Structures are given as C-alpha cells and as structure tokens.
Amino acid sequence: MIAIVDYGVGNLKSVYKALEKLGFEAIITSKEEEINQSKAIILPGVGAFKDAMDHLIESGLIDCLKKNVKEGKPILGICLGMQLFYEKSYEDGAWNGLGLLEGEVVRFEDQLKVPHMGWNDLIEGVKDEIGKDINGEYVYFVHSYYVKPKRKEEVLFWTNYGIEVPAVIRKDNIFGMQFHPEKSGETGMRLLKNFGELIK
C-alpha cells in the first residue's frame, strides 16, 4: 500500500487515480499510523515552499516522514514535494526544508520565462531502474523555482530550460520528480509504475 500524504497542499486525487489505474493499492492519509504501515510514501505538493512547510509542521508528520525514510522506506516527492526534501529554499525569503537531501531551491534567472510551464524532455544523467525505458520523452512541468543539488550524481534525469534543471532525482530510497507524472501521459505513468515496482 502506498500512502499519499495529505497535508493540505497536494494534488492528491489525480495521483491516487493514476496509481489506481496502474493497479497499485493506495490511500490518501494524514494519519501517522497509516503512513507507518505503508510500503511506500508519496509527498505531493503545489504552491509556495514556506506555506507547504508550515502545513507539514502543523500536520505533525515531519518526524514520522523522517523516521520512515531513515528506515529505508521508498518515498517519492512530486513537484514542490521534491523541493521540500532539500535543505533550504529562497522562495520569497529563506526557509528551511526537510533536509533529507543536500542542496537549495532557487528561482529561475530573470532572462527566462517564469514559470517554466509545459512539456519538456527528459535527458538521462544516471542510469537507474526507475528510469527504465525512458530517455528523451516529454513530461509536464509547472514551476518557478528549481533545485540546485549539491551532488549531481543524484540526478537521474535533467531537462533543459536555458539551464540544466534536475527533473528526476534519487538518493537511496529517496526519489523526486520536479514535473507532474500524473499529468504527463504515458511517460509519467511509466515512471510511476517503475516507482511502484521498486516497492518490496
């Protein structure tokens, strides 16, 4: 069972429906007990970084998420959910993230059209089982800030938006997708399927 974390700022139902269509058992939950009992976790997110962190703090789920990650449970962050994994964001100030991964979240440079919105291609950086049968396909992005990771070897796929933007990341059991796989057609579904198949 995959727990989709409900902390008030996620695109929950479309992620749930995508997993259901793929044949994976999933639950939308804000209960610590259900997250602990799950085989994997998805942390969605839309909106502003600070608001999302405030909602996570209010939910009381931060320690629960960190404990499950430390125990090796697969976790997937989608869009803003991926950005929350990092140490700090500079979206309208400077805010601490979950600190599960090393790096920062910064705004696109002024010469680029913001937000980065629409379809862009995936360029393979590091071979990984979650990226099986994927290279050059297009997925759907909508974001004004992007991750600058400390370790480029954690980036499985990049996309090019005038600069290199991390699109899929992985460190051990921590996965992230900057785009919305649930809105990215067959390619997004394949990536979600690959994630689901990693669950033991």
N, C-alpha and C. Protein backbone atom coordinates (compact mmCIF):
# COMPACT_ATOMS: atom_id res chain seq x y z
N MET A 1 0.83 -1.20 0.00
CA MET A 1 0.00 0.00 0.00
C MET A 1 0.88 1.26 0.00
N ILE A 2 0.54 2.19 -0.87
CA ILE A 2 1.30 3.45 -0.97
C ILE A 2 0.50 4.55 -0.27
N ALA A 3 1.14 5.23 0.67
CA ALA A 3 0.49 6.33 1.39
C ALA A 3 0.77 7.64 0.68
N ILE A 4 -0.29 8.32 0.21
CA ILE A 4 -0.17 9.66 -0.37
C ILE A 4 -0.47 10.63 0.76
N VAL A 5 0.54 11.43 1.13
CA VAL A 5 0.43 12.26 2.34
C VAL A 5 -0.43 13.49 2.08
N ASP A 6 -1.48 13.62 2.87
CA ASP A 6 -2.40 14.75 2.80
C ASP A 6 -2.02 15.74 3.89
N TYR A 7 -1.35 16.83 3.49
CA TYR A 7 -1.02 17.88 4.46
C TYR A 7 -1.55 19.23 4.00
N GLY A 8 -2.57 19.16 3.13
CA GLY A 8 -3.31 20.37 2.77
C GLY A 8 -2.82 21.11 1.53
N VAL A 9 -1.75 20.64 0.86
CA VAL A 9 -1.24 21.38 -0.30
C VAL A 9 -0.86 20.46 -1.46
N GLY A 10 -1.61 19.41 -1.67
CA GLY A 10 -1.21 18.48 -2.71
C GLY A 10 -2.28 18.23 -3.76
N ASN A 11 -1.81 17.76 -4.90
CA ASN A 11 -2.71 17.34 -5.98
C ASN A 11 -3.01 15.85 -5.76
N LEU A 12 -3.85 15.59 -4.76
CA LEU A 12 -3.95 14.23 -4.21
C LEU A 12 -4.74 13.27 -5.09
N LYS A 13 -5.91 13.71 -5.55
CA LYS A 13 -6.81 12.77 -6.23
C LYS A 13 -6.26 12.30 -7.56
N SER A 14 -5.58 13.19 -8.30
CA SER A 14 -5.04 12.77 -9.60
C SER A 14 -3.90 11.77 -9.42
N VAL A 15 -3.10 11.94 -8.35
CA VAL A 15 -2.03 10.97 -8.05
C VAL A 15 -2.66 9.64 -7.66
N TYR A 16 -3.68 9.70 -6.81
CA TYR A 16 -4.38 8.49 -6.37
C TYR A 16 -4.97 7.73 -7.57
N LYS A 17 -5.63 8.46 -8.46
CA LYS A 17 -6.27 7.83 -9.62
C LYS A 17 -5.24 7.21 -10.56
N ALA A 18 -4.09 7.87 -10.70
CA ALA A 18 -3.02 7.31 -11.55
C ALA A 18 -2.51 5.99 -10.98
N LEU A 19 -2.29 5.95 -9.67
CA LEU A 19 -1.82 4.71 -9.03
C LEU A 19 -2.87 3.61 -9.13
N GLU A 20 -4.13 3.99 -8.94
CA GLU A 20 -5.24 3.04 -9.03
C GLU A 20 -5.29 2.43 -10.44
N LYS A 21 -5.12 3.27 -11.45
CA LYS A 21 -5.15 2.83 -12.84
C LYS A 21 -4.01 1.84 -13.12
N LEU A 22 -2.88 2.04 -12.44
CA LEU A 22 -1.72 1.15 -12.61
C LEU A 22 -1.85 -0.15 -11.80
N GLY A 23 -2.90 -0.23 -10.97
CA GLY A 23 -3.13 -1.44 -10.19
C GLY A 23 -2.47 -1.46 -8.83
N PHE A 24 -1.98 -0.30 -8.37
CA PHE A 24 -1.35 -0.21 -7.06
C PHE A 24 -2.37 0.19 -6.00
N GLU A 25 -2.29 -0.43 -4.85
CA GLU A 25 -3.15 -0.05 -3.73
C GLU A 25 -2.60 1.22 -3.11
N ALA A 26 -3.45 2.21 -2.96
CA ALA A 26 -3.01 3.50 -2.40
C ALA A 26 -4.05 4.06 -1.46
N ILE A 27 -3.61 4.96 -0.60
CA ILE A 27 -4.51 5.61 0.36
C ILE A 27 -4.07 7.06 0.50
N ILE A 28 -5.03 7.99 0.56
CA ILE A 28 -4.73 9.39 0.87
C ILE A 28 -4.90 9.53 2.38
N THR A 29 -3.85 9.97 3.07
CA THR A 29 -3.91 9.94 4.53
C THR A 29 -3.09 11.05 5.17
N SER A 30 -3.53 11.45 6.36
CA SER A 30 -2.74 12.36 7.19
C SER A 30 -2.47 11.70 8.54
N LYS A 31 -2.70 10.36 8.60
CA LYS A 31 -2.54 9.62 9.86
C LYS A 31 -1.17 8.95 9.92
N GLU A 32 -0.47 9.22 10.99
CA GLU A 32 0.87 8.66 11.20
C GLU A 32 0.87 7.14 11.14
N GLU A 33 -0.13 6.53 11.76
CA GLU A 33 -0.22 5.07 11.82
C GLU A 33 -0.31 4.47 10.41
N GLU A 34 -1.10 5.09 9.55
CA GLU A 34 -1.26 4.57 8.18
C GLU A 34 0.01 4.77 7.35
N ILE A 35 0.69 5.88 7.58
CA ILE A 35 1.96 6.12 6.89
C ILE A 35 2.99 5.08 7.34
N ASN A 36 3.03 4.80 8.63
CA ASN A 36 3.97 3.80 9.16
C ASN A 36 3.69 2.40 8.61
N GLN A 37 2.41 2.10 8.36
CA GLN A 37 2.04 0.77 7.86
C GLN A 37 2.22 0.61 6.35
N SER A 38 2.44 1.72 5.66
CA SER A 38 2.53 1.67 4.19
C SER A 38 3.84 1.04 3.74
N LYS A 39 3.86 0.65 2.47
CA LYS A 39 5.08 0.10 1.86
C LYS A 39 5.92 1.19 1.22
N ALA A 40 5.29 2.33 0.90
CA ALA A 40 5.97 3.46 0.29
C ALA A 40 5.14 4.72 0.53
N ILE A 41 5.79 5.88 0.34
CA ILE A 41 5.15 7.17 0.62
C ILE A 41 5.29 8.07 -0.61
N ILE A 42 4.23 8.81 -0.90
CA ILE A 42 4.32 9.88 -1.91
C ILE A 42 4.00 11.20 -1.22
N LEU A 43 4.90 12.18 -1.39
CA LEU A 43 4.69 13.52 -0.85
C LEU A 43 4.44 14.46 -2.03
N PRO A 44 3.16 14.77 -2.29
CA PRO A 44 2.85 15.70 -3.38
C PRO A 44 3.05 17.13 -2.90
N GLY A 45 2.75 18.09 -3.76
CA GLY A 45 2.85 19.48 -3.32
C GLY A 45 2.62 20.46 -4.45
N VAL A 46 1.81 21.47 -4.18
CA VAL A 46 1.65 22.60 -5.10
C VAL A 46 1.63 23.87 -4.25
N GLY A 47 2.04 24.98 -4.86
CA GLY A 47 2.03 26.24 -4.13
C GLY A 47 3.40 26.69 -3.69
N ALA A 48 3.44 27.45 -2.59
CA ALA A 48 4.68 28.06 -2.12
C ALA A 48 5.38 27.19 -1.09
N PHE A 49 6.70 27.23 -1.11
CA PHE A 49 7.54 26.40 -0.24
C PHE A 49 7.23 26.64 1.24
N LYS A 50 7.24 27.90 1.67
CA LYS A 50 7.03 28.21 3.09
C LYS A 50 5.66 27.72 3.56
N ASP A 51 4.63 27.97 2.74
CA ASP A 51 3.27 27.51 3.12
C ASP A 51 3.24 26.00 3.28
N ALA A 52 3.90 25.30 2.35
CA ALA A 52 3.92 23.83 2.42
C ALA A 52 4.63 23.35 3.68
N MET A 53 5.79 23.96 4.00
CA MET A 53 6.50 23.57 5.22
C MET A 53 5.67 23.88 6.46
N ASP A 54 4.99 25.02 6.46
CA ASP A 54 4.12 25.37 7.60
C ASP A 54 3.02 24.33 7.77
N HIS A 55 2.42 23.91 6.66
CA HIS A 55 1.37 22.88 6.72
C HIS A 55 1.93 21.56 7.22
N LEU A 56 3.13 21.22 6.77
CA LEU A 56 3.76 19.96 7.23
C LEU A 56 4.03 20.01 8.73
N ILE A 57 4.52 21.16 9.20
CA ILE A 57 4.79 21.32 10.65
C ILE A 57 3.49 21.19 11.43
N GLU A 58 2.44 21.87 10.95
CA GLU A 58 1.13 21.81 11.62
C GLU A 58 0.56 20.41 11.63
N SER A 59 0.85 19.64 10.56
CA SER A 59 0.32 18.27 10.47
C SER A 59 0.96 17.33 11.49
N GLY A 60 2.13 17.72 12.01
CA GLY A 60 2.85 16.88 12.97
C GLY A 60 3.48 15.64 12.35
N LEU A 61 3.64 15.65 11.02
CA LEU A 61 4.10 14.44 10.32
C LEU A 61 5.59 14.44 9.98
N ILE A 62 6.31 15.53 10.28
CA ILE A 62 7.71 15.61 9.86
C ILE A 62 8.55 14.49 10.48
N ASP A 63 8.43 14.29 11.78
CA ASP A 63 9.21 13.22 12.44
C ASP A 63 8.84 11.85 11.88
N CYS A 64 7.55 11.65 11.60
CA CYS A 64 7.07 10.39 11.03
C CYS A 64 7.72 10.15 9.66
N LEU A 65 7.73 11.16 8.81
CA LEU A 65 8.33 11.03 7.48
C LEU A 65 9.82 10.73 7.58
N LYS A 66 10.51 11.46 8.44
CA LYS A 66 11.97 11.27 8.59
C LYS A 66 12.29 9.88 9.12
N LYS A 67 11.46 9.40 10.05
CA LYS A 67 11.68 8.07 10.62
C LYS A 67 11.52 6.99 9.54
N ASN A 68 10.47 7.12 8.73
CA ASN A 68 10.22 6.14 7.67
C ASN A 68 11.34 6.16 6.62
N VAL A 69 11.82 7.36 6.28
CA VAL A 69 12.91 7.48 5.32
C VAL A 69 14.18 6.84 5.89
N LYS A 70 14.47 7.10 7.15
CA LYS A 70 15.66 6.55 7.81
C LYS A 70 15.61 5.02 7.84
N GLU A 71 14.39 4.48 7.96
CA GLU A 71 14.22 3.02 7.98
C GLU A 71 14.30 2.39 6.59
N GLY A 72 14.43 3.24 5.55
CA GLY A 72 14.63 2.72 4.20
C GLY A 72 13.39 2.61 3.35
N LYS A 73 12.27 3.14 3.82
CA LYS A 73 11.02 3.07 3.03
C LYS A 73 11.12 4.00 1.82
N PRO A 74 10.73 3.53 0.63
CA PRO A 74 10.76 4.41 -0.54
C PRO A 74 9.81 5.59 -0.37
N ILE A 75 10.30 6.79 -0.73
CA ILE A 75 9.47 7.98 -0.69
C ILE A 75 9.68 8.74 -2.00
N LEU A 76 8.58 9.23 -2.56
CA LEU A 76 8.63 9.98 -3.81
C LEU A 76 8.03 11.36 -3.59
N GLY A 77 8.81 12.39 -3.86
CA GLY A 77 8.32 13.76 -3.81
C GLY A 77 7.97 14.23 -5.21
N ILE A 78 6.79 14.81 -5.36
CA ILE A 78 6.33 15.29 -6.67
C ILE A 78 6.25 16.81 -6.66
N CYS A 79 6.90 17.45 -7.65
CA CYS A 79 6.91 18.90 -7.83
C CYS A 79 7.41 19.59 -6.56
N LEU A 80 6.58 20.38 -5.89
CA LEU A 80 7.00 21.04 -4.66
C LEU A 80 7.41 20.00 -3.60
N GLY A 81 6.76 18.83 -3.62
CA GLY A 81 7.12 17.77 -2.67
C GLY A 81 8.58 17.37 -2.79
N MET A 82 9.11 17.34 -4.01
CA MET A 82 10.54 17.05 -4.22
C MET A 82 11.39 18.18 -3.64
N GLN A 83 11.00 19.43 -3.88
CA GLN A 83 11.79 20.56 -3.38
C GLN A 83 11.86 20.58 -1.86
N LEU A 84 10.81 20.12 -1.19
CA LEU A 84 10.79 20.10 0.28
C LEU A 84 11.85 19.16 0.86
N PHE A 85 12.32 18.21 0.06
CA PHE A 85 13.35 17.27 0.54
C PHE A 85 14.67 17.97 0.83
N TYR A 86 14.89 19.15 0.23
CA TYR A 86 16.20 19.80 0.29
C TYR A 86 16.35 20.70 1.52
N GLU A 87 17.56 21.24 1.69
CA GLU A 87 17.89 21.94 2.93
C GLU A 87 17.23 23.31 3.05
N LYS A 88 17.17 24.05 1.92
CA LYS A 88 16.73 25.44 2.01
C LYS A 88 16.11 25.89 0.69
N SER A 89 15.11 26.78 0.81
CA SER A 89 14.53 27.41 -0.38
C SER A 89 14.61 28.92 -0.23
N TYR A 90 14.82 29.58 -1.38
CA TYR A 90 14.87 31.05 -1.39
C TYR A 90 13.64 31.62 -2.09
N GLU A 91 12.51 30.98 -1.88
CA GLU A 91 11.25 31.46 -2.45
C GLU A 91 10.64 32.48 -1.50
N ASP A 92 10.70 33.77 -1.88
CA ASP A 92 10.15 34.87 -1.06
C ASP A 92 10.74 34.87 0.36
N GLY A 93 12.05 34.75 0.43
CA GLY A 93 12.74 34.70 1.72
C GLY A 93 13.71 33.53 1.73
N ALA A 94 14.08 33.10 2.92
CA ALA A 94 14.94 31.91 3.06
C ALA A 94 14.30 30.99 4.09
N TRP A 95 13.98 29.77 3.66
CA TRP A 95 13.21 28.86 4.51
C TRP A 95 13.87 27.48 4.54
N ASN A 96 13.87 26.87 5.70
CA ASN A 96 14.42 25.53 5.84
C ASN A 96 13.45 24.48 5.31
N GLY A 97 14.00 23.48 4.61
CA GLY A 97 13.22 22.35 4.17
C GLY A 97 13.41 21.17 5.10
N LEU A 98 13.12 19.98 4.62
CA LEU A 98 13.23 18.77 5.45
C LEU A 98 14.67 18.34 5.65
N GLY A 99 15.57 18.76 4.76
CA GLY A 99 16.98 18.43 4.92
C GLY A 99 17.31 16.96 4.68
N LEU A 100 16.47 16.27 3.91
CA LEU A 100 16.75 14.86 3.59
C LEU A 100 17.83 14.77 2.52
N LEU A 101 17.94 15.82 1.69
CA LEU A 101 18.94 15.86 0.62
C LEU A 101 19.69 17.18 0.70
N GLU A 102 20.94 17.17 0.23
CA GLU A 102 21.75 18.39 0.27
C GLU A 102 21.56 19.21 -1.00
N GLY A 103 21.27 20.49 -0.81
CA GLY A 103 21.06 21.37 -1.95
C GLY A 103 20.06 22.46 -1.60
N GLU A 104 19.84 23.37 -2.56
CA GLU A 104 18.97 24.51 -2.34
C GLU A 104 17.97 24.66 -3.49
N VAL A 105 16.89 25.36 -3.18
CA VAL A 105 15.86 25.63 -4.18
C VAL A 105 15.92 27.12 -4.51
N VAL A 106 16.14 27.44 -5.80
CA VAL A 106 16.34 28.83 -6.21
C VAL A 106 15.41 29.19 -7.37
N ARG A 107 15.25 30.49 -7.61
CA ARG A 107 14.37 30.96 -8.68
C ARG A 107 15.10 30.94 -10.02
N PHE A 108 14.34 30.71 -11.08
CA PHE A 108 14.91 30.82 -12.41
C PHE A 108 15.42 32.24 -12.64
N GLU A 109 16.49 32.35 -13.43
CA GLU A 109 17.06 33.65 -13.75
C GLU A 109 16.04 34.52 -14.50
N ASP A 110 16.20 35.84 -14.37
CA ASP A 110 15.24 36.79 -14.91
C ASP A 110 15.06 36.71 -16.43
N GLN A 111 16.12 36.26 -17.13
CA GLN A 111 16.01 36.23 -18.60
C GLN A 111 15.12 35.09 -19.09
N LEU A 112 14.77 34.17 -18.20
CA LEU A 112 13.91 33.04 -18.58
C LEU A 112 12.45 33.36 -18.27
N LYS A 113 11.57 32.81 -19.08
CA LYS A 113 10.13 32.98 -18.82
C LYS A 113 9.75 32.16 -17.59
N VAL A 114 9.12 32.81 -16.64
CA VAL A 114 8.73 32.16 -15.38
C VAL A 114 7.22 32.27 -15.23
N PRO A 115 6.53 31.17 -14.86
CA PRO A 115 7.09 29.86 -14.55
C PRO A 115 7.51 29.05 -15.78
N HIS A 116 8.35 28.05 -15.54
CA HIS A 116 8.65 27.03 -16.54
C HIS A 116 7.40 26.16 -16.60
N MET A 117 6.62 26.34 -17.66
CA MET A 117 5.33 25.64 -17.72
C MET A 117 5.14 25.00 -19.09
N GLY A 118 4.80 23.73 -19.06
CA GLY A 118 4.53 22.99 -20.29
C GLY A 118 5.40 21.76 -20.41
N TRP A 119 5.45 21.22 -21.60
CA TRP A 119 6.13 19.94 -21.84
C TRP A 119 7.60 20.16 -22.17
N ASN A 120 8.45 19.36 -21.54
CA ASN A 120 9.88 19.43 -21.81
C ASN A 120 10.45 18.01 -21.72
N ASP A 121 11.59 17.81 -22.38
CA ASP A 121 12.11 16.45 -22.49
C ASP A 121 13.02 16.07 -21.32
N LEU A 122 13.12 14.76 -21.11
CA LEU A 122 13.98 14.18 -20.08
C LEU A 122 15.30 13.74 -20.71
N ILE A 123 16.40 14.21 -20.13
CA ILE A 123 17.74 13.86 -20.62
C ILE A 123 18.42 13.04 -19.53
N GLU A 124 18.78 11.81 -19.88
CA GLU A 124 19.33 10.90 -18.87
C GLU A 124 20.68 11.37 -18.34
N GLY A 125 20.80 11.36 -17.01
CA GLY A 125 22.07 11.70 -16.37
C GLY A 125 22.73 10.47 -15.80
N VAL A 126 21.98 9.70 -15.01
CA VAL A 126 22.48 8.49 -14.36
C VAL A 126 21.49 7.37 -14.60
N LYS A 127 21.99 6.22 -15.01
CA LYS A 127 21.09 5.07 -15.24
C LYS A 127 20.55 4.57 -13.90
N ASP A 128 19.25 4.28 -13.90
CA ASP A 128 18.61 3.80 -12.67
C ASP A 128 17.34 3.05 -13.05
N GLU A 129 16.95 2.11 -12.20
CA GLU A 129 15.79 1.27 -12.52
C GLU A 129 14.49 2.06 -12.62
N ILE A 130 14.39 3.18 -11.91
CA ILE A 130 13.15 3.97 -12.02
C ILE A 130 13.04 4.64 -13.39
N GLY A 131 14.17 4.80 -14.05
CA GLY A 131 14.17 5.41 -15.38
C GLY A 131 14.21 4.40 -16.50
N LYS A 132 13.88 3.17 -16.19
CA LYS A 132 13.86 2.08 -17.18
C LYS A 132 12.99 2.44 -18.38
N ASP A 133 13.55 2.29 -19.58
CA ASP A 133 12.84 2.54 -20.84
C ASP A 133 12.44 4.01 -21.04
N ILE A 134 13.12 4.93 -20.36
CA ILE A 134 12.82 6.36 -20.50
C ILE A 134 14.08 7.09 -20.96
N ASN A 135 13.99 7.88 -22.01
CA ASN A 135 15.05 8.82 -22.39
C ASN A 135 14.56 9.65 -23.56
N GLY A 136 14.52 10.95 -23.38
CA GLY A 136 14.09 11.85 -24.44
C GLY A 136 12.59 12.09 -24.49
N GLU A 137 11.83 11.35 -23.66
CA GLU A 137 10.38 11.56 -23.64
C GLU A 137 10.04 12.89 -22.97
N TYR A 138 8.83 13.38 -23.23
CA TYR A 138 8.39 14.67 -22.70
C TYR A 138 7.45 14.48 -21.51
N VAL A 139 7.61 15.37 -20.52
CA VAL A 139 6.76 15.36 -19.33
C VAL A 139 6.33 16.80 -19.03
N TYR A 140 5.33 16.95 -18.14
CA TYR A 140 4.69 18.25 -17.93
C TYR A 140 5.21 18.94 -16.66
N PHE A 141 5.80 20.11 -16.86
CA PHE A 141 6.35 20.91 -15.76
C PHE A 141 5.50 22.14 -15.51
N VAL A 142 5.47 22.58 -14.26
CA VAL A 142 4.95 23.92 -13.93
C VAL A 142 5.60 24.34 -12.61
N HIS A 143 6.66 25.19 -12.71
CA HIS A 143 7.37 25.63 -11.50
C HIS A 143 8.19 26.88 -11.81
N SER A 144 8.36 27.71 -10.77
CA SER A 144 9.14 28.95 -10.89
C SER A 144 10.50 28.84 -10.19
N TYR A 145 10.66 27.80 -9.38
CA TYR A 145 11.90 27.55 -8.65
C TYR A 145 12.39 26.15 -8.99
N TYR A 146 13.69 25.95 -8.89
CA TYR A 146 14.26 24.64 -9.23
C TYR A 146 15.35 24.28 -8.23
N VAL A 147 15.70 23.02 -8.19
CA VAL A 147 16.69 22.52 -7.24
C VAL A 147 18.10 22.67 -7.80
N LYS A 148 18.99 23.18 -6.94
CA LYS A 148 20.43 23.13 -7.23
C LYS A 148 21.03 22.13 -6.25
N PRO A 149 21.17 20.86 -6.68
CA PRO A 149 21.64 19.83 -5.76
C PRO A 149 23.13 19.94 -5.51
N LYS A 150 23.56 19.51 -4.33
CA LYS A 150 24.99 19.51 -4.02
C LYS A 150 25.70 18.42 -4.81
N ARG A 151 24.98 17.31 -5.06
CA ARG A 151 25.60 16.17 -5.74
C ARG A 151 24.87 15.86 -7.05
N LYS A 152 25.54 16.13 -8.16
CA LYS A 152 24.93 15.92 -9.47
C LYS A 152 24.70 14.43 -9.75
N GLU A 153 25.45 13.57 -9.07
CA GLU A 153 25.26 12.13 -9.29
C GLU A 153 23.92 11.64 -8.75
N GLU A 154 23.20 12.47 -8.01
CA GLU A 154 21.86 12.11 -7.53
C GLU A 154 20.77 12.47 -8.55
N VAL A 155 21.16 13.10 -9.66
CA VAL A 155 20.20 13.49 -10.69
C VAL A 155 20.15 12.41 -11.77
N LEU A 156 18.99 11.75 -11.88
CA LEU A 156 18.83 10.67 -12.87
C LEU A 156 18.47 11.24 -14.23
N PHE A 157 17.64 12.29 -14.24
CA PHE A 157 17.26 12.96 -15.49
C PHE A 157 17.28 14.47 -15.28
N TRP A 158 17.76 15.15 -16.32
CA TRP A 158 17.73 16.61 -16.36
C TRP A 158 16.72 17.03 -17.42
N THR A 159 16.33 18.30 -17.38
CA THR A 159 15.67 18.90 -18.53
C THR A 159 16.38 20.22 -18.80
N ASN A 160 16.27 20.71 -20.02
CA ASN A 160 16.95 21.94 -20.38
C ASN A 160 15.94 23.07 -20.52
N TYR A 161 16.15 24.13 -19.73
CA TYR A 161 15.29 25.31 -19.84
C TYR A 161 16.19 26.56 -19.87
N GLY A 162 17.10 26.54 -20.82
CA GLY A 162 18.13 27.57 -20.85
C GLY A 162 19.26 27.26 -19.90
N ILE A 163 18.95 26.54 -18.85
CA ILE A 163 19.91 25.98 -17.90
C ILE A 163 19.51 24.53 -17.64
N GLU A 164 20.41 23.77 -17.05
CA GLU A 164 20.09 22.38 -16.69
C GLU A 164 19.24 22.38 -15.42
N VAL A 165 18.10 21.71 -15.49
CA VAL A 165 17.18 21.63 -14.36
C VAL A 165 17.00 20.17 -13.96
N PRO A 166 17.26 19.81 -12.69
CA PRO A 166 17.02 18.43 -12.26
C PRO A 166 15.54 18.08 -12.41
N ALA A 167 15.26 16.97 -13.11
CA ALA A 167 13.88 16.56 -13.35
C ALA A 167 13.50 15.33 -12.51
N VAL A 168 14.44 14.37 -12.40
CA VAL A 168 14.23 13.18 -11.55
C VAL A 168 15.48 13.00 -10.72
N ILE A 169 15.29 12.86 -9.41
CA ILE A 169 16.44 12.67 -8.52
C ILE A 169 16.26 11.38 -7.70
N ARG A 170 17.41 10.84 -7.25
CA ARG A 170 17.35 9.70 -6.34
C ARG A 170 18.59 9.66 -5.46
N LYS A 171 18.36 9.46 -4.18
CA LYS A 171 19.43 9.09 -3.26
C LYS A 171 18.89 7.94 -2.43
N ASP A 172 19.42 6.75 -2.67
CA ASP A 172 18.98 5.54 -1.94
C ASP A 172 17.47 5.36 -2.11
N ASN A 173 16.69 5.50 -1.03
CA ASN A 173 15.24 5.28 -1.08
C ASN A 173 14.45 6.57 -1.27
N ILE A 174 15.17 7.68 -1.53
CA ILE A 174 14.50 8.98 -1.71
C ILE A 174 14.47 9.32 -3.19
N PHE A 175 13.26 9.52 -3.72
CA PHE A 175 13.05 9.82 -5.14
C PHE A 175 12.32 11.15 -5.27
N GLY A 176 12.56 11.86 -6.35
CA GLY A 176 11.83 13.09 -6.59
C GLY A 176 11.61 13.30 -8.08
N MET A 177 10.47 13.89 -8.42
CA MET A 177 10.16 14.27 -9.80
C MET A 177 9.68 15.71 -9.78
N GLN A 178 10.41 16.59 -10.47
CA GLN A 178 10.06 18.01 -10.48
C GLN A 178 8.77 18.27 -11.28
N PHE A 179 8.51 17.44 -12.25
CA PHE A 179 7.30 17.55 -13.07
C PHE A 179 6.15 16.80 -12.40
N HIS A 180 5.00 16.79 -13.06
CA HIS A 180 3.83 16.06 -12.55
C HIS A 180 3.67 14.77 -13.35
N PRO A 181 4.11 13.63 -12.82
CA PRO A 181 3.96 12.38 -13.59
C PRO A 181 2.50 12.05 -13.87
N GLU A 182 1.62 12.41 -12.93
CA GLU A 182 0.19 12.09 -13.09
C GLU A 182 -0.47 12.92 -14.19
N LYS A 183 0.24 13.95 -14.68
CA LYS A 183 -0.28 14.79 -15.78
C LYS A 183 0.57 14.63 -17.03
N SER A 184 1.48 13.65 -17.04
CA SER A 184 2.47 13.53 -18.11
C SER A 184 2.24 12.33 -19.02
N GLY A 185 0.96 11.95 -19.18
CA GLY A 185 0.61 10.91 -20.14
C GLY A 185 1.29 9.58 -19.88
N GLU A 186 1.57 8.87 -20.95
CA GLU A 186 2.12 7.52 -20.86
C GLU A 186 3.49 7.50 -20.17
N THR A 187 4.32 8.51 -20.43
CA THR A 187 5.66 8.56 -19.82
C THR A 187 5.56 8.71 -18.31
N GLY A 188 4.70 9.61 -17.86
CA GLY A 188 4.51 9.80 -16.42
C GLY A 188 3.98 8.53 -15.75
N MET A 189 3.06 7.86 -16.42
CA MET A 189 2.50 6.62 -15.87
C MET A 189 3.59 5.54 -15.78
N ARG A 190 4.47 5.50 -16.79
CA ARG A 190 5.56 4.52 -16.77
C ARG A 190 6.51 4.77 -15.60
N LEU A 191 6.79 6.05 -15.33
CA LEU A 191 7.66 6.38 -14.20
C LEU A 191 7.01 6.02 -12.86
N LEU A 192 5.71 6.29 -12.73
CA LEU A 192 5.00 5.89 -11.50
C LEU A 192 4.98 4.37 -11.36
N LYS A 193 4.81 3.68 -12.48
CA LYS A 193 4.82 2.22 -12.46
C LYS A 193 6.19 1.70 -12.03
N ASN A 194 7.25 2.31 -12.57
CA ASN A 194 8.61 1.91 -12.18
C ASN A 194 8.84 2.13 -10.69
N PHE A 195 8.33 3.25 -10.15
CA PHE A 195 8.45 3.50 -8.71
C PHE A 195 7.70 2.43 -7.93
N GLY A 196 6.45 2.16 -8.35
CA GLY A 196 5.64 1.14 -7.66
C GLY A 196 6.29 -0.23 -7.66
N GLU A 197 6.99 -0.55 -8.74
CA GLU A 197 7.63 -1.86 -8.85
C GLU A 197 8.89 -1.99 -8.00
N LEU A 198 9.39 -0.85 -7.48
CA LEU A 198 10.55 -0.90 -6.58
C LEU A 198 10.15 -1.28 -5.16
N ILE A 199 8.84 -1.22 -4.89
CA ILE A 199 8.36 -1.47 -3.53
C ILE A 199 8.38 -2.95 -3.23
N LYS A 200 9.07 -3.27 -2.14
CA LYS A 200 9.20 -4.68 -1.77
C LYS A 200 8.12 -5.05 -0.77
